[in-house]
Structures are given as structure tokens and as C-alpha cells.
Amino acid sequence: MDFIIESSDYFIKQSKKLDKKSKKIIYDKKKLIKENPFRFPKLAGYKFIFKINITIDNNYSRLIYAVYYPDKKHITILGLFERKHDYKDFKKMYDLIFK
């Protein structure tokens, strides 16, 4: 099953600020997502939102993405969200996109 991966504007802005090592980590995770987007755990309370634990610049973060399935076969990388901020940025973004 081939999925198409897209990036949110928020994530595009974030990725421009990342160093080369961090971009490589993200690239590798995106390859795994494309192979099987259901391999990582769901974000609690969300049906088709998944998370990957990542350490970027010594910050514990989550790479969060949405899987549009079965209607469509595409994935949107929503962004990197630091755990210490309790996903407040994610919740704002989710409300803008999905509600």
C-alpha cells in the first residue's frame, strides 16, 4: 500500500530551522512512516493521529502525523512538539485543521 507523505506549513517552517543531523533523523522516520504508518503508537484521544518519540537538540519531542485512511492514502506530518510544553501547540494546530 503506497501512502503519500505531505508536510504541514507548521512543520515546513520547523524543519527549516533544524540542523543536518536532526533532518537526517526526521528523514529516516518518514521512511518508516511511509512503509507502515500504523507501526507507531496513536496519540491518546485521537483516532488517526500517531506519534514518534524523537530527541532533537537535547529536547524530548514527538513527531506527530495524521493518517487519512481508508478514504485517502496520504499522511500529513503535523510537526515536532516538545513534551515539556504538554502539546499545547499541537492542540491549537489540531483545532485549526480538523475542527
N, C-alpha and C. Protein backbone atom coordinates (compact mmCIF):
# COMPACT_ATOMS: atom_id res chain seq x y z
N MET A 1 0.85 -1.18 0.00
CA MET A 1 0.00 0.00 0.00
C MET A 1 0.89 1.24 0.00
N ASP A 2 0.76 2.07 -1.00
CA ASP A 2 1.58 3.28 -1.10
C ASP A 2 0.86 4.48 -0.50
N PHE A 3 1.50 5.12 0.43
CA PHE A 3 0.99 6.34 1.03
C PHE A 3 1.79 7.52 0.52
N ILE A 4 1.14 8.64 0.41
CA ILE A 4 1.80 9.89 0.03
C ILE A 4 2.01 10.68 1.31
N ILE A 5 3.22 11.18 1.52
CA ILE A 5 3.52 11.97 2.71
C ILE A 5 3.57 13.44 2.34
N GLU A 6 2.82 14.23 3.10
CA GLU A 6 2.81 15.69 2.96
C GLU A 6 3.28 16.29 4.28
N SER A 7 3.65 17.54 4.25
CA SER A 7 4.05 18.24 5.47
C SER A 7 3.17 19.47 5.65
N SER A 8 2.78 19.72 6.89
CA SER A 8 2.00 20.92 7.18
C SER A 8 2.92 22.14 7.05
N ASP A 9 2.33 23.30 6.86
CA ASP A 9 3.12 24.54 6.80
C ASP A 9 3.92 24.72 8.09
N TYR A 10 3.30 24.36 9.20
CA TYR A 10 3.95 24.45 10.51
C TYR A 10 5.23 23.61 10.53
N PHE A 11 5.14 22.37 10.04
CA PHE A 11 6.30 21.50 10.04
C PHE A 11 7.36 21.98 9.05
N ILE A 12 6.95 22.51 7.92
CA ILE A 12 7.92 23.04 6.95
C ILE A 12 8.75 24.15 7.58
N LYS A 13 8.08 25.05 8.31
CA LYS A 13 8.79 26.13 8.99
C LYS A 13 9.75 25.57 10.04
N GLN A 14 9.29 24.56 10.78
CA GLN A 14 10.14 23.95 11.79
C GLN A 14 11.36 23.29 11.17
N SER A 15 11.16 22.56 10.10
CA SER A 15 12.25 21.79 9.50
C SER A 15 13.34 22.69 8.91
N LYS A 16 12.99 23.90 8.52
CA LYS A 16 14.00 24.83 8.00
C LYS A 16 15.00 25.23 9.08
N LYS A 17 14.59 25.15 10.34
CA LYS A 17 15.44 25.55 11.45
C LYS A 17 16.31 24.40 11.98
N LEU A 18 16.08 23.19 11.51
CA LEU A 18 16.79 22.03 12.03
C LEU A 18 18.19 21.91 11.44
N ASP A 19 19.10 21.36 12.23
CA ASP A 19 20.44 21.11 11.72
C ASP A 19 20.45 19.83 10.88
N LYS A 20 21.57 19.56 10.26
CA LYS A 20 21.69 18.43 9.34
C LYS A 20 21.41 17.09 10.03
N LYS A 21 21.92 16.91 11.24
CA LYS A 21 21.72 15.66 11.98
C LYS A 21 20.23 15.44 12.28
N SER A 22 19.55 16.48 12.70
CA SER A 22 18.13 16.38 13.02
C SER A 22 17.30 16.09 11.77
N LYS A 23 17.67 16.71 10.66
CA LYS A 23 16.96 16.45 9.40
C LYS A 23 17.11 15.00 8.97
N LYS A 24 18.28 14.42 9.22
CA LYS A 24 18.52 13.01 8.89
C LYS A 24 17.64 12.11 9.75
N ILE A 25 17.51 12.43 11.03
CA ILE A 25 16.65 11.65 11.93
C ILE A 25 15.21 11.69 11.42
N ILE A 26 14.73 12.88 11.06
CA ILE A 26 13.37 13.04 10.56
C ILE A 26 13.19 12.27 9.25
N TYR A 27 14.16 12.38 8.36
CA TYR A 27 14.09 11.68 7.08
C TYR A 27 13.95 10.17 7.29
N ASP A 28 14.75 9.63 8.19
CA ASP A 28 14.68 8.19 8.47
C ASP A 28 13.32 7.79 9.05
N LYS A 29 12.78 8.61 9.91
CA LYS A 29 11.46 8.32 10.50
C LYS A 29 10.37 8.40 9.43
N LYS A 30 10.49 9.36 8.52
CA LYS A 30 9.50 9.49 7.45
C LYS A 30 9.50 8.26 6.54
N LYS A 31 10.67 7.68 6.31
CA LYS A 31 10.75 6.45 5.53
C LYS A 31 10.00 5.32 6.23
N LEU A 32 10.17 5.22 7.54
CA LEU A 32 9.46 4.19 8.30
C LEU A 32 7.95 4.42 8.28
N ILE A 33 7.56 5.68 8.39
CA ILE A 33 6.12 6.02 8.34
C ILE A 33 5.54 5.59 7.00
N LYS A 34 6.24 5.90 5.93
CA LYS A 34 5.73 5.58 4.59
C LYS A 34 5.59 4.07 4.39
N GLU A 35 6.51 3.30 4.95
CA GLU A 35 6.44 1.84 4.84
C GLU A 35 5.23 1.28 5.57
N ASN A 36 4.98 1.79 6.76
CA ASN A 36 3.85 1.34 7.57
C ASN A 36 3.46 2.44 8.56
N PRO A 37 2.51 3.28 8.20
CA PRO A 37 2.16 4.40 9.07
C PRO A 37 1.50 4.00 10.38
N PHE A 38 1.12 2.74 10.50
CA PHE A 38 0.44 2.28 11.71
C PHE A 38 1.40 1.61 12.70
N ARG A 39 2.68 1.64 12.44
CA ARG A 39 3.68 0.98 13.29
C ARG A 39 3.93 1.72 14.60
N PHE A 40 3.69 3.02 14.62
CA PHE A 40 3.94 3.81 15.82
C PHE A 40 2.66 3.98 16.63
N PRO A 41 2.79 4.29 17.93
CA PRO A 41 1.58 4.39 18.77
C PRO A 41 0.71 5.59 18.42
N LYS A 42 -0.58 5.40 18.65
CA LYS A 42 -1.53 6.51 18.46
C LYS A 42 -1.35 7.51 19.60
N LEU A 43 -1.67 8.74 19.29
CA LEU A 43 -1.70 9.78 20.32
C LEU A 43 -3.01 9.61 21.08
N ALA A 44 -2.94 9.48 22.37
CA ALA A 44 -4.12 9.21 23.19
C ALA A 44 -5.22 10.23 22.93
N GLY A 45 -6.42 9.71 22.68
CA GLY A 45 -7.57 10.57 22.46
C GLY A 45 -7.82 10.96 21.01
N TYR A 46 -6.98 10.49 20.09
CA TYR A 46 -7.11 10.85 18.68
C TYR A 46 -7.12 9.57 17.85
N LYS A 47 -8.04 9.49 16.91
CA LYS A 47 -8.25 8.25 16.17
C LYS A 47 -7.13 7.93 15.17
N PHE A 48 -6.79 8.86 14.30
CA PHE A 48 -5.78 8.60 13.27
C PHE A 48 -4.58 9.53 13.39
N ILE A 49 -4.21 9.87 14.62
CA ILE A 49 -3.04 10.70 14.88
C ILE A 49 -2.02 9.82 15.60
N PHE A 50 -0.78 9.83 15.09
CA PHE A 50 0.26 8.97 15.62
C PHE A 50 1.45 9.80 16.07
N LYS A 51 2.28 9.21 16.93
CA LYS A 51 3.43 9.93 17.49
C LYS A 51 4.68 9.07 17.44
N ILE A 52 5.80 9.76 17.31
CA ILE A 52 7.11 9.11 17.36
C ILE A 52 7.96 9.90 18.33
N ASN A 53 8.56 9.22 19.29
CA ASN A 53 9.46 9.87 20.22
C ASN A 53 10.77 10.18 19.51
N ILE A 54 11.21 11.43 19.64
CA ILE A 54 12.45 11.87 19.00
C ILE A 54 13.15 12.84 19.94
N THR A 55 14.47 12.76 19.96
CA THR A 55 15.25 13.75 20.69
C THR A 55 15.94 14.65 19.66
N ILE A 56 15.58 15.92 19.69
CA ILE A 56 16.15 16.91 18.77
C ILE A 56 16.79 18.00 19.63
N ASP A 57 18.08 18.24 19.42
CA ASP A 57 18.81 19.26 20.19
C ASP A 57 18.60 19.10 21.70
N ASN A 58 18.70 17.87 22.17
CA ASN A 58 18.54 17.53 23.59
C ASN A 58 17.15 17.84 24.15
N ASN A 59 16.17 18.02 23.30
CA ASN A 59 14.79 18.21 23.73
C ASN A 59 14.00 16.96 23.36
N TYR A 60 13.23 16.47 24.31
CA TYR A 60 12.38 15.33 24.04
C TYR A 60 11.14 15.82 23.33
N SER A 61 10.95 15.35 22.14
CA SER A 61 9.85 15.81 21.30
C SER A 61 9.09 14.62 20.75
N ARG A 62 8.00 14.94 20.12
CA ARG A 62 7.22 13.95 19.39
C ARG A 62 7.04 14.48 17.96
N LEU A 63 7.28 13.60 17.02
CA LEU A 63 6.92 13.88 15.64
C LEU A 63 5.50 13.36 15.51
N ILE A 64 4.56 14.23 15.24
CA ILE A 64 3.16 13.83 15.19
C ILE A 64 2.65 13.95 13.76
N TYR A 65 1.92 12.90 13.35
CA TYR A 65 1.40 12.87 11.99
C TYR A 65 -0.01 12.30 11.97
N ALA A 66 -0.74 12.66 10.92
CA ALA A 66 -2.12 12.20 10.72
C ALA A 66 -2.15 11.27 9.53
N VAL A 67 -2.91 10.19 9.67
CA VAL A 67 -3.10 9.24 8.57
C VAL A 67 -4.54 9.37 8.10
N TYR A 68 -4.70 9.71 6.84
CA TYR A 68 -6.02 9.82 6.24
C TYR A 68 -6.33 8.49 5.56
N TYR A 69 -7.05 7.66 6.25
CA TYR A 69 -7.26 6.30 5.80
C TYR A 69 -8.59 5.82 6.34
N PRO A 70 -9.41 5.07 5.66
CA PRO A 70 -9.20 4.45 4.37
C PRO A 70 -9.64 5.31 3.19
N ASP A 71 -10.27 6.47 3.44
CA ASP A 71 -10.75 7.30 2.35
C ASP A 71 -9.64 7.70 1.39
N LYS A 72 -8.54 8.13 1.95
CA LYS A 72 -7.40 8.55 1.16
C LYS A 72 -6.18 7.83 1.70
N LYS A 73 -5.17 7.79 0.90
CA LYS A 73 -3.96 7.13 1.35
C LYS A 73 -2.83 8.14 1.43
N HIS A 74 -3.04 9.13 2.29
CA HIS A 74 -1.95 10.07 2.49
C HIS A 74 -1.77 10.40 3.96
N ILE A 75 -0.58 10.87 4.24
CA ILE A 75 -0.15 11.16 5.59
C ILE A 75 0.30 12.61 5.62
N THR A 76 -0.05 13.31 6.68
CA THR A 76 0.43 14.67 6.86
C THR A 76 1.27 14.73 8.12
N ILE A 77 2.51 15.14 7.96
CA ILE A 77 3.37 15.37 9.12
C ILE A 77 2.93 16.71 9.70
N LEU A 78 2.40 16.67 10.91
CA LEU A 78 1.86 17.88 11.53
C LEU A 78 2.94 18.73 12.16
N GLY A 79 3.94 18.10 12.76
CA GLY A 79 5.02 18.88 13.33
C GLY A 79 5.75 18.17 14.44
N LEU A 80 6.75 18.87 14.96
CA LEU A 80 7.50 18.43 16.13
C LEU A 80 6.95 19.19 17.33
N PHE A 81 6.62 18.46 18.36
CA PHE A 81 6.02 19.08 19.54
C PHE A 81 6.78 18.62 20.77
N GLU A 82 7.27 19.57 21.54
CA GLU A 82 8.05 19.25 22.73
C GLU A 82 7.14 18.74 23.83
N ARG A 83 7.57 17.68 24.48
CA ARG A 83 6.79 17.09 25.55
C ARG A 83 6.65 18.05 26.73
N LYS A 84 7.69 18.87 26.98
CA LYS A 84 7.65 19.75 28.15
C LYS A 84 6.56 20.82 28.03
N HIS A 85 6.08 21.08 26.81
CA HIS A 85 5.01 22.07 26.62
C HIS A 85 3.63 21.43 26.63
N ASP A 86 3.60 20.13 26.94
CA ASP A 86 2.33 19.42 27.12
C ASP A 86 1.42 19.50 25.90
N TYR A 87 2.01 19.55 24.71
CA TYR A 87 1.26 19.52 23.45
C TYR A 87 0.31 20.70 23.24
N LYS A 88 0.53 21.79 23.93
CA LYS A 88 -0.37 22.95 23.75
C LYS A 88 -0.35 23.43 22.30
N ASP A 89 0.84 23.45 21.69
CA ASP A 89 0.94 23.87 20.28
C ASP A 89 0.20 22.89 19.37
N PHE A 90 0.32 21.60 19.67
CA PHE A 90 -0.38 20.60 18.86
C PHE A 90 -1.89 20.78 18.96
N LYS A 91 -2.39 20.97 20.15
CA LYS A 91 -3.84 21.10 20.35
C LYS A 91 -4.40 22.29 19.58
N LYS A 92 -3.67 23.41 19.58
CA LYS A 92 -4.09 24.59 18.81
C LYS A 92 -4.12 24.26 17.32
N MET A 93 -3.08 23.62 16.85
CA MET A 93 -2.99 23.29 15.43
C MET A 93 -4.07 22.30 15.04
N TYR A 94 -4.30 21.29 15.86
CA TYR A 94 -5.32 20.29 15.57
C TYR A 94 -6.69 20.95 15.44
N ASP A 95 -7.00 21.85 16.35
CA ASP A 95 -8.29 22.54 16.31
C ASP A 95 -8.45 23.36 15.02
N LEU A 96 -7.37 23.98 14.57
CA LEU A 96 -7.43 24.77 13.33
C LEU A 96 -7.64 23.89 12.10
N ILE A 97 -7.00 22.74 12.07
CA ILE A 97 -7.04 21.88 10.89
C ILE A 97 -8.29 21.01 10.84
N PHE A 98 -8.62 20.39 11.96
CA PHE A 98 -9.61 19.33 11.94
C PHE A 98 -10.99 19.71 12.49
N LYS A 99 -11.15 20.90 13.00
CA LYS A 99 -12.47 21.26 13.54
C LYS A 99 -13.08 22.41 12.79
